[in-house]
């Protein structure tokens, strides 16, 4: 058997702009679509290609060990690497995936990248995307060809078939776009059927590249925000996916129309968080909570999950809690403070040891964070494991209490 793609067509239906094709998968033919939406003035001005289908269906073909047959043309640069380098790079993470044939006609074209269109990037509201916006949108030194001018938010299977979560995330991305004065576009892909049974983190990159290729007439450069620092070992586990391969994979998807650039792999989570917290315009829309949108919650972020706690402890150390007060439940964070500190130390020391928590713990120590006395021995132990000496310091006291303590000490000394 083979995965076969044929019958490409473009449709404008009900305010959406669809790119559709007939796809034979697992012996059955069905229609797969890339439904584009948004408020960019040039959204519907394009001639569609098979490029998104070639990228989006390569991994399913490798998993099944079946040829990918495109009955049409694919960008000649893209086709060359899909047949070789992309597959070998993916197999660094998943050696069990098969090397497969990719059959298509090469689409020959002179380089036609229009650098005046600037760049696009995905917007989730998280640390990675906000960090990218600070350096590729707000920074006045960014070359105009690389400055973000379009935000995107795709539906490529991150939340399965839960449309409610997707709509809430799009609404948030639109608020960010409106605040920054940028258009928001996106693609809703029906490729998810081809990825059934596969964890999203193992195929997130080709899914998003495929969705963005359906919009490549809107940008010259696509900045892809990385969630992992350089140097990670490619592996496919419950918690590890394709992110460590982003620096090698992304340039391979360049076409005659658009260039893909990885951003953020040179920065730790600690540095990214510090950069975002320094910008009021980004703090106001920061969304990191793992608990998702909840109708009965006044704030975007619960303030108690591990991602919220990480940001809030950092903000407290930097004196920036006021900057995030509108988006985080600070009252909830105060109620969960004991648990947050215990989790920070545990994830710096125990079997769930995590580099992000270790970096944060060291940073809090450097900033002379007021750890309560009851946890200081555990903090000292965790830091010692990582080669940092921590001197136990008395827990800070309110001024009146501190004065009373000094007075008692002085009285005892006089005796």
Protein backbone atom coordinates (compact mmCIF):
# COMPACT_ATOMS: atom_id res chain seq x y z
CA UNK A 1 0.00 0.00 0.00
CA UNK A 2 0.93 3.67 -0.26
CA UNK A 3 -0.29 7.05 0.92
CA UNK A 4 -1.54 8.75 -2.24
CA UNK A 5 -2.42 12.43 -2.59
CA UNK A 6 -4.31 13.71 -5.64
CA UNK A 7 -6.95 16.18 -6.79
CA UNK A 8 -5.65 19.43 -5.26
CA UNK A 9 -8.20 22.24 -5.20
CA UNK A 10 -8.74 25.63 -3.60
CA UNK A 11 -12.14 26.65 -2.22
CA UNK A 12 -13.55 29.78 -0.65
CA UNK A 13 -16.45 28.64 1.52
CA UNK A 14 -18.32 30.46 4.25
CA UNK A 15 -15.56 32.92 5.04
CA UNK A 16 -12.87 30.23 5.08
CA UNK A 17 -10.21 29.59 2.47
CA UNK A 18 -9.63 25.86 2.01
CA UNK A 19 -6.87 23.87 0.36
CA UNK A 20 -8.17 20.32 -0.16
CA UNK A 21 -6.94 17.05 -1.69
CA UNK A 22 -8.04 13.44 -1.94
CA UNK A 23 -5.81 11.25 0.24
CA UNK A 24 -5.69 7.45 0.22
CA UNK A 25 -4.64 6.33 3.70
CA UNK A 26 -4.77 2.77 5.04
CA UNK A 27 -6.49 1.66 1.84
CA UNK A 28 -9.35 4.18 2.06
CA UNK A 29 -9.69 7.48 0.22
CA UNK A 30 -10.93 10.58 2.03
CA UNK A 31 -10.67 14.34 1.68
CA UNK A 32 -8.13 16.17 3.80
CA UNK A 33 -8.22 19.93 4.09
CA UNK A 34 -6.19 22.86 5.33
CA UNK A 35 -8.80 25.43 6.34
CA UNK A 36 -7.31 28.91 6.60
CA UNK A 37 -8.80 31.76 8.58
CA UNK A 38 -7.76 35.18 9.80
CA UNK A 39 -7.80 38.91 9.19
CA UNK A 40 -4.75 39.35 6.96
CA UNK A 41 -5.73 41.43 3.89
CA UNK A 42 -3.90 39.02 1.53
CA UNK A 43 -5.19 35.78 3.06
CA UNK A 44 -7.03 34.55 -0.06
CA UNK A 45 -4.42 35.60 -2.62
CA UNK A 46 -2.50 32.41 -3.36
CA UNK A 47 -2.08 29.51 -5.73
CA UNK A 48 -2.10 26.35 -3.65
CA UNK A 49 0.50 23.59 -3.93
CA UNK A 50 0.99 20.05 -2.68
CA UNK A 51 3.83 21.20 -0.40
CA UNK A 52 1.81 21.13 2.86
CA UNK A 53 0.57 17.60 2.13
CA UNK A 54 4.09 16.37 1.34
CA UNK A 55 5.38 17.62 4.70
CA UNK A 56 2.28 16.76 6.74
CA UNK A 57 2.02 13.15 5.53
CA UNK A 58 5.71 12.19 5.53
CA UNK A 59 5.76 11.02 9.16
CA UNK A 60 2.59 8.88 8.78
CA UNK A 61 4.21 7.31 5.72
CA UNK A 62 7.42 6.56 7.65
CA UNK A 63 5.49 5.08 10.58
CA UNK A 64 3.59 2.77 8.21
CA UNK A 65 6.63 2.06 6.04
CA UNK A 66 4.67 3.01 2.92
CA UNK A 67 5.64 5.22 -0.04
CA UNK A 68 4.24 8.75 -0.16
CA UNK A 69 2.89 9.37 -3.66
CA UNK A 70 2.01 12.94 -4.64
CA UNK A 71 0.22 13.10 -7.98
CA UNK A 72 1.44 16.61 -8.65
CA UNK A 73 4.43 18.91 -8.15
CA UNK A 74 6.33 19.75 -4.96
CA UNK A 75 8.90 22.54 -4.53
CA UNK A 76 12.17 21.14 -5.90
CA UNK A 77 14.21 22.19 -2.84
CA UNK A 78 11.66 20.67 -0.46
CA UNK A 79 11.26 17.46 -2.43
CA UNK A 80 15.00 16.83 -2.43
CA UNK A 81 15.32 16.95 1.36
CA UNK A 82 12.06 15.11 2.07
CA UNK A 83 13.50 12.15 0.18
CA UNK A 84 16.68 12.06 2.24
CA UNK A 85 17.87 14.43 4.96
CA UNK A 86 14.50 15.03 6.65
CA UNK A 87 13.89 11.30 7.02
CA UNK A 88 17.35 10.55 8.35
CA UNK A 89 17.09 13.39 10.85
CA UNK A 90 13.71 12.16 12.09
CA UNK A 91 15.17 8.68 12.50
CA UNK A 92 17.66 10.07 15.03
CA UNK A 93 14.65 10.39 17.34
CA UNK A 94 12.72 7.34 16.13
CA UNK A 95 15.03 4.68 14.62
CA UNK A 96 12.01 2.43 14.12
CA UNK A 97 10.50 4.73 11.52
CA UNK A 98 11.14 3.43 8.02
CA UNK A 99 12.92 5.21 5.19
CA UNK A 100 10.29 5.60 2.44
CA UNK A 101 10.08 6.75 -1.16
CA UNK A 102 8.55 10.17 -1.85
CA UNK A 103 7.20 10.30 -5.39
CA UNK A 104 6.31 13.68 -6.92
CA UNK A 105 7.23 15.97 -9.77
CA UNK A 106 9.74 18.70 -8.83
CA UNK A 107 8.30 22.19 -9.19
CA UNK A 108 11.07 24.26 -10.71
CA UNK A 109 11.02 27.93 -9.84
CA UNK A 110 13.52 30.75 -9.63
CA UNK A 111 14.05 32.04 -6.06
CA UNK A 112 11.12 34.31 -5.46
CA UNK A 113 11.27 35.17 -1.76
CA UNK A 114 9.67 38.57 -1.23
CA UNK A 115 11.60 39.95 1.73
CA UNK A 116 9.28 42.96 2.03
CA UNK A 117 6.64 40.69 3.58
CA UNK A 118 8.66 40.31 6.76
CA UNK A 119 8.22 37.40 9.16
CA UNK A 120 5.50 35.37 10.80
CA UNK A 121 5.47 33.35 14.01
CA UNK A 122 3.13 31.21 16.07
CA UNK A 123 1.42 32.86 19.04
CA UNK A 124 0.33 30.84 22.05
CA UNK A 125 0.94 33.46 24.73
CA UNK A 126 3.52 31.24 26.45
CA UNK A 127 7.09 32.00 27.44
CA UNK A 128 8.61 30.77 24.17
CA UNK A 129 6.38 32.84 21.88
CA UNK A 130 6.54 35.95 24.07
CA UNK A 131 10.34 35.68 24.28
CA UNK A 132 10.46 35.52 20.50
CA UNK A 133 8.24 38.62 20.22
CA UNK A 134 10.58 40.59 22.45
CA UNK A 135 13.55 39.89 20.18
CA UNK A 136 11.90 39.70 16.76
CA UNK A 137 9.19 42.35 17.11
CA UNK A 138 9.88 44.81 19.92
CA UNK A 139 13.64 45.05 19.42
CA UNK A 140 14.32 48.13 17.23
CA UNK A 141 17.55 46.58 15.94
CA UNK A 142 15.80 43.71 14.14
CA UNK A 143 16.17 43.94 10.32
CA UNK A 144 12.80 44.67 8.76
CA UNK A 145 12.93 41.51 6.65
CA UNK A 146 13.10 39.51 9.90
CA UNK A 147 10.60 41.54 11.96
CA UNK A 148 7.37 39.74 12.84
CA UNK A 149 4.44 41.22 10.93
CA UNK A 150 1.96 38.34 11.11
CA UNK A 151 0.91 36.07 13.97
CA UNK A 152 -0.43 32.57 13.39
CA UNK A 153 -2.29 30.04 15.52
CA UNK A 154 -2.93 26.61 14.00
CA UNK A 155 -5.15 23.67 14.88
CA UNK A 156 -2.90 20.67 14.15
CA UNK A 157 -4.00 18.20 16.80
CA UNK A 158 -2.44 19.49 20.03
CA UNK A 159 -5.78 19.03 21.82
CA UNK A 160 -7.25 16.21 19.77
CA UNK A 161 -10.74 17.04 18.61
CA UNK A 162 -11.51 19.49 21.43
CA UNK A 163 -12.70 22.51 19.46
CA UNK A 164 -13.59 24.44 22.62
CA UNK A 165 -9.96 24.62 23.76
CA UNK A 166 -8.85 25.62 20.27
CA UNK A 167 -11.41 28.42 20.03
CA UNK A 168 -10.39 29.76 23.45
CA UNK A 169 -6.73 29.75 22.46
CA UNK A 170 -7.48 31.50 19.17
CA UNK A 171 -9.45 34.15 21.06
CA UNK A 172 -6.46 34.73 23.34
CA UNK A 173 -4.05 34.88 20.40
CA UNK A 174 -6.36 37.43 18.77
CA UNK A 175 -6.24 39.60 21.91
CA UNK A 176 -2.44 39.52 21.76
CA UNK A 177 -2.48 40.38 18.05
CA UNK A 178 -4.88 43.28 18.62
CA UNK A 179 -2.74 44.66 21.44
CA UNK A 180 0.38 44.53 19.23
CA UNK A 181 -1.41 45.78 16.11
CA UNK A 182 -0.74 42.66 14.02
CA UNK A 183 -2.96 40.42 11.87
CA UNK A 184 -3.72 36.89 13.07
CA UNK A 185 -4.13 33.96 10.67
CA UNK A 186 -4.10 30.20 11.02
CA UNK A 187 -4.73 26.83 9.44
CA UNK A 188 -7.00 24.10 10.69
CA UNK A 189 -5.63 20.77 9.43
CA UNK A 190 -7.48 17.49 9.07
CA UNK A 191 -4.20 15.54 9.02
CA UNK A 192 -4.77 14.38 12.60
CA UNK A 193 -6.44 11.18 11.37
CA UNK A 194 -3.11 10.13 9.88
CA UNK A 195 -1.41 10.54 13.28
CA UNK A 196 -3.84 8.47 15.36
CA UNK A 197 -2.09 6.75 18.28
CA UNK A 198 0.96 8.99 18.12
CA UNK A 199 1.93 11.51 20.81
CA UNK A 200 1.72 15.08 19.62
CA UNK A 201 5.21 16.02 20.86
CA UNK A 202 6.74 13.40 18.54
CA UNK A 203 5.42 15.08 15.38
CA UNK A 204 4.64 18.68 16.33
CA UNK A 205 7.24 20.20 14.00
CA UNK A 206 6.16 18.71 10.64
CA UNK A 207 2.51 19.29 11.56
CA UNK A 208 3.11 23.00 12.16
CA UNK A 209 5.37 23.40 9.14
CA UNK A 210 2.69 21.83 6.93
CA UNK A 211 0.04 24.19 8.33
CA UNK A 212 2.28 27.21 7.80
CA UNK A 213 3.16 26.20 4.22
CA UNK A 214 -0.52 26.73 3.41
CA UNK A 215 0.05 30.40 4.31
CA UNK A 216 3.55 30.93 2.90
CA UNK A 217 2.32 33.67 0.56
CA UNK A 218 2.01 35.91 3.63
CA UNK A 219 5.63 35.88 4.86
CA UNK A 220 9.22 35.57 3.72
CA UNK A 221 10.52 34.16 7.01
CA UNK A 222 8.87 31.97 9.61
CA UNK A 223 10.37 32.20 13.11
CA UNK A 224 9.81 28.93 14.93
CA UNK A 225 10.12 29.38 18.68
CA UNK A 226 12.02 26.56 20.34
CA UNK A 227 11.05 25.03 23.66
CA UNK A 228 14.36 23.19 24.16
CA UNK A 229 17.93 24.51 24.53
CA UNK A 230 20.68 23.27 22.25
CA UNK A 231 22.51 20.09 23.10
CA UNK A 232 19.63 17.77 23.96
CA UNK A 233 19.80 14.13 22.91
CA UNK A 234 17.09 13.16 20.39
CA UNK A 235 14.80 10.51 21.84
CA UNK A 236 11.15 9.56 21.72
CA UNK A 237 9.71 9.02 25.20
CA UNK A 238 6.62 10.05 27.11
CA UNK A 239 8.14 13.46 27.86
CA UNK A 240 10.69 13.88 25.07
CA UNK A 241 9.88 14.57 21.45
CA UNK A 242 11.05 16.24 18.31
CA UNK A 243 12.08 19.58 19.86
CA UNK A 244 15.77 18.67 20.14
CA UNK A 245 15.88 18.21 16.34
CA UNK A 246 14.44 21.63 15.49
CA UNK A 247 17.79 23.35 14.71
CA UNK A 248 18.67 20.59 12.22
CA UNK A 249 15.21 20.08 10.71
CA UNK A 250 13.85 23.58 10.23
CA UNK A 251 16.30 24.81 7.55
CA UNK A 252 15.53 21.69 5.53
CA UNK A 253 11.99 22.93 4.96
CA UNK A 254 13.11 26.11 3.12
CA UNK A 255 11.45 26.60 -0.25
CA UNK A 256 11.83 29.07 -3.10
CA UNK A 257 9.12 31.14 -1.42
CA UNK A 258 9.89 31.09 2.31
CA UNK A 259 12.69 30.54 4.82
CA UNK A 260 12.32 28.78 8.19
CA UNK A 261 14.38 30.03 11.12
CA UNK A 262 14.66 28.45 14.54
CA UNK A 263 14.66 30.85 17.48
CA UNK A 264 15.34 30.45 21.17
CA UNK A 265 17.44 27.28 21.41
CA UNK A 266 20.35 29.40 22.62
CA UNK A 267 18.43 30.53 25.71
CA UNK A 268 17.44 28.68 28.88
CA UNK A 269 13.92 28.83 30.29
CA UNK A 270 15.31 31.08 33.03
CA UNK A 271 16.67 33.62 30.57
CA UNK A 272 13.50 33.57 28.47
CA UNK A 273 11.33 34.19 31.52
CA UNK A 274 13.52 37.09 32.63
CA UNK A 275 13.29 38.67 29.16
CA UNK A 276 9.48 38.40 29.10
CA UNK A 277 9.03 39.71 32.64
CA UNK A 278 11.02 42.81 31.69
CA UNK A 279 8.35 43.88 29.15
CA UNK A 280 4.99 45.16 30.45
CA UNK A 281 3.34 44.77 27.04
CA UNK A 282 4.13 41.04 27.06
CA UNK A 283 3.33 40.36 30.73
CA UNK A 284 -0.23 41.52 30.24
CA UNK A 285 -1.07 38.57 27.96
CA UNK A 286 1.24 35.87 29.33
CA UNK A 287 -0.46 32.45 29.32
CA UNK A 288 1.47 29.52 30.83
CA UNK A 289 -1.12 27.65 32.92
CA UNK A 290 -1.38 23.90 32.31
CA UNK A 291 -4.99 23.84 33.58
CA UNK A 292 -6.33 25.59 30.50
CA UNK A 293 -9.19 28.05 30.31
CA UNK A 294 -11.79 27.79 33.07
CA UNK A 295 -15.02 29.78 32.99
CA UNK A 296 -15.14 30.19 36.79
CA UNK A 297 -11.61 31.62 37.00
CA UNK A 298 -11.09 35.36 36.86
CA UNK A 299 -7.45 35.11 35.76
CA UNK A 300 -5.86 33.46 32.75
CA UNK A 301 -3.36 31.60 34.95
CA UNK A 302 -4.28 29.64 38.09
CA UNK A 303 -1.12 30.64 39.98
CA UNK A 304 -0.70 27.14 41.48
CA UNK A 305 0.37 24.72 38.72
CA UNK A 306 4.09 24.10 38.26
CA UNK A 307 4.40 26.44 35.26
CA UNK A 308 2.55 29.27 37.01
CA UNK A 309 4.63 28.84 40.17
CA UNK A 310 7.87 28.93 38.19
CA UNK A 311 6.96 32.28 36.61
CA UNK A 312 5.64 33.78 39.86
CA UNK A 313 8.70 32.83 41.93
CA UNK A 314 10.89 34.39 39.23
CA UNK A 315 8.70 37.50 39.13
CA UNK A 316 8.88 37.83 42.92
CA UNK A 317 12.68 37.60 42.85
CA UNK A 318 12.80 40.32 40.16
CA UNK A 319 10.25 42.55 41.90
CA UNK A 320 7.83 42.15 38.97
CA UNK A 321 4.75 40.62 40.62
CA UNK A 322 2.76 43.77 39.87
CA UNK A 323 3.41 43.29 36.15
CA UNK A 324 1.67 39.89 36.13
CA UNK A 325 -1.01 40.61 38.73
CA UNK A 326 -3.67 41.00 36.05
CA UNK A 327 -3.14 37.57 34.50
CA UNK A 328 -2.19 35.36 37.49
CA UNK A 329 -4.27 34.44 40.52
CA UNK A 330 -1.90 35.82 43.15
CA UNK A 331 -4.25 34.95 46.02
CA UNK A 332 -4.26 31.33 44.88
CA UNK A 333 -0.48 31.46 44.55
CA UNK A 334 -0.14 32.63 48.16
CA UNK A 335 -2.33 29.75 49.34
CA UNK A 336 -0.21 27.27 47.42
CA UNK A 337 3.17 28.77 48.25
CA UNK A 338 4.29 25.93 50.57
CA UNK A 339 3.57 23.35 47.90
CA UNK A 340 5.28 25.48 45.23
CA UNK A 341 8.52 25.68 47.23
CA UNK A 342 8.48 21.99 48.06
CA UNK A 343 7.95 21.12 44.40
CA UNK A 344 10.78 23.42 43.32
CA UNK A 345 13.25 21.73 45.67
CA UNK A 346 11.99 18.24 44.89
CA UNK A 347 12.29 18.73 41.11
CA UNK A 348 15.80 20.10 41.65
CA UNK A 349 16.88 17.13 43.76
CA UNK A 350 14.65 14.08 43.43
CA UNK A 351 14.05 11.49 40.72
CA UNK A 352 12.09 14.07 38.67
CA UNK A 353 15.16 16.29 38.51
CA UNK A 354 14.53 19.05 35.98
CA UNK A 355 17.05 21.58 34.68
CA UNK A 356 14.50 24.40 34.59
CA UNK A 357 13.76 24.06 38.31
CA UNK A 358 17.46 23.72 39.15
CA UNK A 359 18.29 26.90 37.23
CA UNK A 360 15.48 28.74 38.98
CA UNK A 361 16.55 27.56 42.42
CA UNK A 362 20.10 28.78 41.78
CA UNK A 363 18.77 32.10 40.51
CA UNK A 364 16.57 32.60 43.57
CA UNK A 365 19.59 31.90 45.75
CA UNK A 366 21.65 34.48 43.85
CA UNK A 367 18.86 37.04 44.26
CA UNK A 368 18.73 36.33 48.01
CA UNK A 369 15.16 35.10 47.78
CA UNK A 370 13.50 34.98 51.24
CA UNK A 371 13.16 31.22 51.63
CA UNK A 372 11.24 30.34 54.82
CA UNK A 373 13.43 28.88 57.56
CA UNK A 374 11.70 25.48 57.44
CA UNK A 375 12.83 24.81 53.85
CA UNK A 376 16.31 26.34 53.93
CA UNK A 377 18.09 23.06 54.84
CA UNK A 378 16.46 21.35 51.83
CA UNK A 379 17.43 24.29 49.60
CA UNK A 380 21.02 24.04 50.85
CA UNK A 381 21.08 20.31 50.11
CA UNK A 382 19.66 20.75 46.59
CA UNK A 383 22.17 23.50 45.81
CA UNK A 384 25.06 21.46 47.22
CA UNK A 385 24.18 18.61 44.87
CA UNK A 386 24.68 21.05 42.00
CA UNK A 387 27.88 22.55 43.39
CA UNK A 388 26.43 25.74 44.88
CA UNK A 389 27.02 26.67 48.50
CA UNK A 390 23.99 28.03 50.36
CA UNK A 391 24.45 29.70 53.72
CA UNK A 392 21.38 29.40 55.91
CA UNK A 393 19.92 32.83 56.49
CA UNK A 394 17.28 33.84 59.04
CA UNK A 395 13.83 34.24 57.59
CA UNK A 396 13.06 37.95 56.96
CA UNK A 397 10.93 39.52 59.68
CA UNK A 398 8.51 42.47 59.63
CA UNK A 399 10.20 45.71 60.83
CA UNK A 400 8.41 45.78 64.19
CA UNK A 401 9.24 42.15 64.94
CA UNK A 402 12.85 42.66 63.85
CA UNK A 403 13.20 45.65 66.19
CA UNK A 404 11.80 43.60 69.09
CA UNK A 405 14.24 40.79 68.33
CA UNK A 406 17.18 43.23 68.36
CA UNK A 407 16.02 44.72 71.65
CA UNK A 408 15.79 41.27 73.27
CA UNK A 409 19.26 40.38 72.00
CA UNK A 410 20.76 43.60 73.31
CA UNK A 411 19.13 43.06 76.74
CA UNK A 412 20.51 39.53 76.93
CA UNK A 413 23.99 40.78 76.00
CA UNK A 414 23.94 43.47 78.73
CA UNK A 415 23.22 40.81 81.32
